[in-house]
Protein backbone atom coordinates (compact mmCIF):
# COMPACT_ATOMS: atom_id res chain seq x y z
CA MET A 1 -33.28 3.09 6.35
CA ALA A 2 -34.98 -0.23 5.54
CA GLY A 3 -33.00 -0.48 2.29
CA ALA A 4 -29.73 0.13 4.13
CA ALA A 5 -30.63 -2.54 6.69
CA ARG A 6 -31.33 -5.04 3.93
CA ALA A 7 -28.00 -4.17 2.28
CA ARG A 8 -26.15 -4.86 5.53
CA LYS A 9 -28.00 -8.15 6.05
CA ASN A 10 -27.44 -9.43 2.51
CA ALA A 11 -23.85 -8.27 2.08
CA PRO A 12 -21.10 -10.89 1.99
CA PRO A 13 -18.46 -10.67 4.74
CA ARG A 14 -16.06 -7.78 4.27
CA GLU A 15 -13.10 -10.15 3.95
CA GLU A 16 -14.84 -11.98 1.11
CA VAL A 17 -15.19 -8.72 -0.81
CA LEU A 18 -11.53 -7.80 -0.22
CA ALA A 19 -10.35 -11.29 -1.18
CA ALA A 20 -12.44 -11.11 -4.35
CA ALA A 21 -10.91 -7.74 -5.21
CA MET A 22 -7.41 -9.16 -4.74
CA ASP A 23 -8.25 -12.19 -6.88
CA MET A 24 -9.54 -9.93 -9.64
CA ILE A 25 -6.33 -7.91 -9.59
CA ALA A 26 -4.29 -11.13 -9.81
CA GLU A 27 -6.35 -12.67 -12.61
CA ARG A 28 -7.42 -9.69 -14.71
CA GLY A 29 -5.25 -6.73 -13.72
CA LEU A 30 -6.12 -3.62 -11.78
CA GLU A 31 -7.63 -1.88 -14.78
CA ARG A 32 -10.46 -4.46 -14.83
CA LEU A 33 -11.31 -3.91 -11.17
CA THR A 34 -14.37 -1.68 -11.26
CA MET A 35 -17.05 -1.38 -8.61
CA ALA A 36 -19.56 -2.89 -11.06
CA ALA A 37 -17.32 -5.85 -11.92
CA LEU A 38 -16.50 -6.51 -8.27
CA GLY A 39 -20.19 -6.27 -7.40
CA ARG A 40 -21.00 -8.95 -9.97
CA GLU A 41 -18.26 -11.13 -8.50
CA VAL A 42 -19.64 -10.99 -4.95
CA GLY A 43 -23.33 -10.62 -5.73
CA MET A 44 -23.72 -6.98 -4.75
CA SER A 45 -24.60 -3.87 -6.68
CA SER A 46 -21.95 -1.20 -7.17
CA GLY A 47 -24.21 1.05 -5.10
CA HIS A 48 -24.04 -1.33 -2.18
CA LEU A 49 -20.26 -1.52 -2.47
CA LEU A 50 -20.08 2.27 -2.39
CA TYR A 51 -22.32 2.23 0.69
CA TYR A 52 -19.70 0.15 2.50
CA PHE A 53 -16.48 1.55 1.05
CA ARG A 54 -17.51 5.14 0.11
CA SER A 55 -15.16 5.26 -2.89
CA LYS A 56 -12.89 3.11 -5.01
CA ASP A 57 -9.89 4.71 -3.28
CA GLU A 58 -11.17 3.42 0.07
CA LEU A 59 -11.84 -0.02 -1.39
CA LEU A 60 -8.29 -0.21 -2.73
CA LEU A 61 -6.77 0.95 0.56
CA GLN A 62 -8.79 -1.57 2.57
CA THR A 63 -7.80 -4.32 0.14
CA LEU A 64 -4.16 -3.33 0.56
CA GLU A 65 -4.54 -3.35 4.35
CA TRP A 66 -6.11 -6.82 4.16
CA SER A 67 -3.29 -8.10 1.94
CA GLU A 68 -0.72 -6.52 4.26
CA GLY A 69 -2.35 -8.27 7.20
CA ARG A 70 -1.67 -11.61 5.56
CA LEU A 71 1.91 -10.63 4.73
CA GLY A 72 2.37 -9.33 8.26
CA ALA A 73 1.36 -12.70 9.68
CA ALA A 74 3.84 -14.45 7.39
CA ARG A 75 6.53 -11.93 8.33
CA GLY A 76 5.85 -12.45 12.02
CA ARG A 77 6.27 -16.21 11.68
CA LEU A 78 9.58 -15.97 9.87
CA LEU A 79 11.01 -13.29 12.17
CA THR A 80 10.25 -15.27 15.32
CA GLY A 81 11.56 -18.55 13.94
CA PRO A 82 14.65 -20.40 15.17
CA ALA A 83 16.87 -19.46 12.20
CA THR A 84 19.86 -17.14 12.47
CA ALA A 85 19.34 -13.41 12.04
CA ARG A 86 21.13 -13.65 8.70
CA GLU A 87 18.76 -16.37 7.48
CA ARG A 88 15.71 -14.46 8.70
CA LEU A 89 16.92 -11.30 6.96
CA SER A 90 17.17 -13.27 3.72
CA ALA A 91 13.61 -14.53 4.28
CA TYR A 92 12.42 -10.95 4.95
CA VAL A 93 13.91 -9.84 1.62
CA ASP A 94 12.31 -12.81 -0.18
CA LEU A 95 8.93 -11.82 1.25
CA TYR A 96 9.41 -8.14 0.37
CA VAL A 97 10.41 -8.44 -3.29
CA PRO A 98 7.55 -9.05 -5.78
CA ASP A 99 7.12 -12.50 -7.30
CA GLY A 100 7.39 -10.94 -10.74
CA HIS A 101 5.82 -8.60 -13.28
CA ARG A 102 2.30 -7.53 -12.23
CA ASP A 103 2.58 -9.10 -8.80
CA PRO A 104 -0.95 -8.33 -7.48
CA HIS A 105 0.10 -7.03 -4.08
CA TRP A 106 2.68 -4.68 -5.55
CA THR A 107 0.32 -3.64 -8.37
CA LEU A 108 -2.17 -2.63 -5.70
CA TRP A 109 0.51 -0.96 -3.56
CA LEU A 110 1.65 1.18 -6.48
CA GLU A 111 -1.92 2.22 -7.32
CA VAL A 112 -2.76 3.18 -3.73
CA TRP A 113 0.40 5.25 -3.38
CA ASN A 114 -0.23 6.91 -6.74
CA ARG A 115 -3.70 7.92 -5.56
CA SER A 116 -2.35 9.14 -2.21
CA GLN A 117 -1.46 12.52 -3.70
CA ASN A 118 -5.09 13.46 -3.12
CA ALA A 119 -5.70 11.31 -0.02
CA ASP A 120 -6.96 12.71 3.27
CA ASP A 121 -5.01 12.62 6.52
CA ASP A 122 -6.65 9.38 7.69
CA ALA A 123 -5.71 7.52 4.50
CA ARG A 124 -2.15 8.84 4.68
CA ALA A 125 -1.85 7.73 8.31
CA ARG A 126 -3.06 4.24 7.37
CA GLN A 127 -0.54 4.03 4.55
CA ALA A 128 2.21 5.17 6.93
CA ALA A 129 1.15 2.42 9.35
CA ILE A 130 1.71 -0.18 6.64
CA GLU A 131 5.21 1.10 5.98
CA GLY A 132 5.94 1.49 9.66
CA ALA A 133 5.24 -2.17 10.40
CA TRP A 134 7.77 -3.35 7.80
CA HIS A 135 10.32 -0.84 9.08
CA ARG A 136 9.96 -1.69 12.77
CA ASP A 137 10.33 -5.41 12.10
CA LEU A 138 13.45 -4.83 10.03
CA VAL A 139 15.02 -2.55 12.68
CA ALA A 140 14.38 -5.16 15.37
CA LEU A 141 15.89 -7.92 13.23
CA ILE A 142 19.02 -5.88 12.46
CA ALA A 143 19.42 -4.94 16.13
CA GLU A 144 19.13 -8.60 17.11
CA GLY A 145 21.74 -9.59 14.52
CA ILE A 146 24.11 -6.94 15.87
CA SER A 147 23.62 -8.15 19.45
CA ARG A 148 24.39 -11.73 18.36
CA GLY A 149 27.53 -10.70 16.52
CA GLU A 150 26.15 -11.67 13.11
CA PHE A 151 25.92 -8.11 11.79
CA ARG A 152 28.28 -5.16 11.94
CA ARG A 153 27.61 -2.45 14.48
CA VAL A 154 25.50 -0.12 12.35
CA ASP A 155 22.69 2.26 13.29
CA ALA A 156 19.82 -0.20 12.89
CA ASP A 157 17.19 2.43 12.11
CA ARG A 158 19.30 4.23 9.49
CA PHE A 159 20.40 0.99 7.87
CA ALA A 160 16.81 -0.28 7.74
CA ALA A 161 15.66 2.94 6.07
CA ARG A 162 18.36 2.62 3.40
CA LEU A 163 17.79 -1.08 2.83
CA ARG A 164 14.04 -0.56 2.43
CA ALA A 165 14.66 2.28 -0.04
CA LEU A 166 16.82 -0.12 -2.05
CA LEU A 167 14.16 -2.83 -1.82
CA ASP A 168 11.40 -0.42 -2.84
CA GLY A 169 13.30 0.82 -5.87
CA PHE A 170 14.19 -2.64 -7.11
CA SER A 171 10.71 -3.98 -6.29
CA ILE A 172 9.04 -1.32 -8.40
CA HIS A 173 11.28 -2.32 -11.30
CA VAL A 174 10.26 -5.97 -10.90
CA ALA A 175 6.55 -5.15 -10.52
CA ILE A 176 6.41 -3.04 -13.68
CA GLY A 177 8.52 -5.52 -15.64
CA LEU A 178 11.49 -3.26 -16.32
CA ARG A 179 13.85 -5.17 -18.56
CA GLY A 180 17.01 -6.38 -16.85
CA THR A 181 15.58 -6.37 -13.33
CA ASP A 182 13.81 -9.65 -12.81
CA ARG A 183 13.33 -11.08 -9.32
CA GLY A 184 16.45 -13.26 -9.41
CA GLN A 185 18.69 -10.36 -10.44
CA VAL A 186 17.21 -8.12 -7.77
CA LEU A 187 17.70 -10.69 -5.02
CA ALA A 188 21.33 -11.11 -6.10
CA HIS A 189 21.90 -7.33 -5.94
CA VAL A 190 20.36 -7.13 -2.47
CA ARG A 191 22.37 -10.11 -1.20
CA ASP A 192 25.57 -8.43 -2.39
CA PHE A 193 24.61 -5.16 -0.72
CA ILE A 194 23.87 -6.89 2.59
CA ALA A 195 27.07 -8.93 2.41
CA ASP A 196 29.19 -5.83 1.71
CA SER A 197 27.60 -3.49 4.24
CA LEU A 198 26.07 -5.52 7.08
CA LEU A 199 27.40 -9.06 7.48
CA MET A 200 30.40 -9.68 9.66
CA PRO A 201 33.37 -10.91 7.63
CA ALA A 202 33.93 -14.65 7.68
CA GLY A 203 36.54 -16.03 10.01
């Protein structure tokens, strides 16, 4: 018990560990993120990290949740801004699509979802919560655009589900560096889709 107490006292703040993990993914790639390497980065043993996170799967999921928290704050600011619904939808798409090949957030997202085949119910529920937040915000934005006459009268929930499926598919292509699907091309495809299926015709 004394050893565990010392570990708690000497451990860096949880957010520092998660930020360090995200930085390692960005700088060195996910394959270099081991418990031992992360421990060296934050001045903890891999054993101490396992004491706090139980497994690498849990560390990765908590890092994703931390990263999503930051994105959620950015998403909240843009969705409550004074811009038109159309402009805010464009900003939502910009925030959603990866910056490019090996975008650290999307690299982590892909790894966590790949590992989720063997995840327990709690981990699956936490992953669903991440997806649910993006979906609810998009539904609310589409519904607002419809009420303002900027968007066509579509089923906001169904349209959001389809748009996010399109964004996910394209985003995976960008994150893995699939040739012919860089960020600029993807954004152009999504803009065309939104213009054809959601925006009210000009005039």
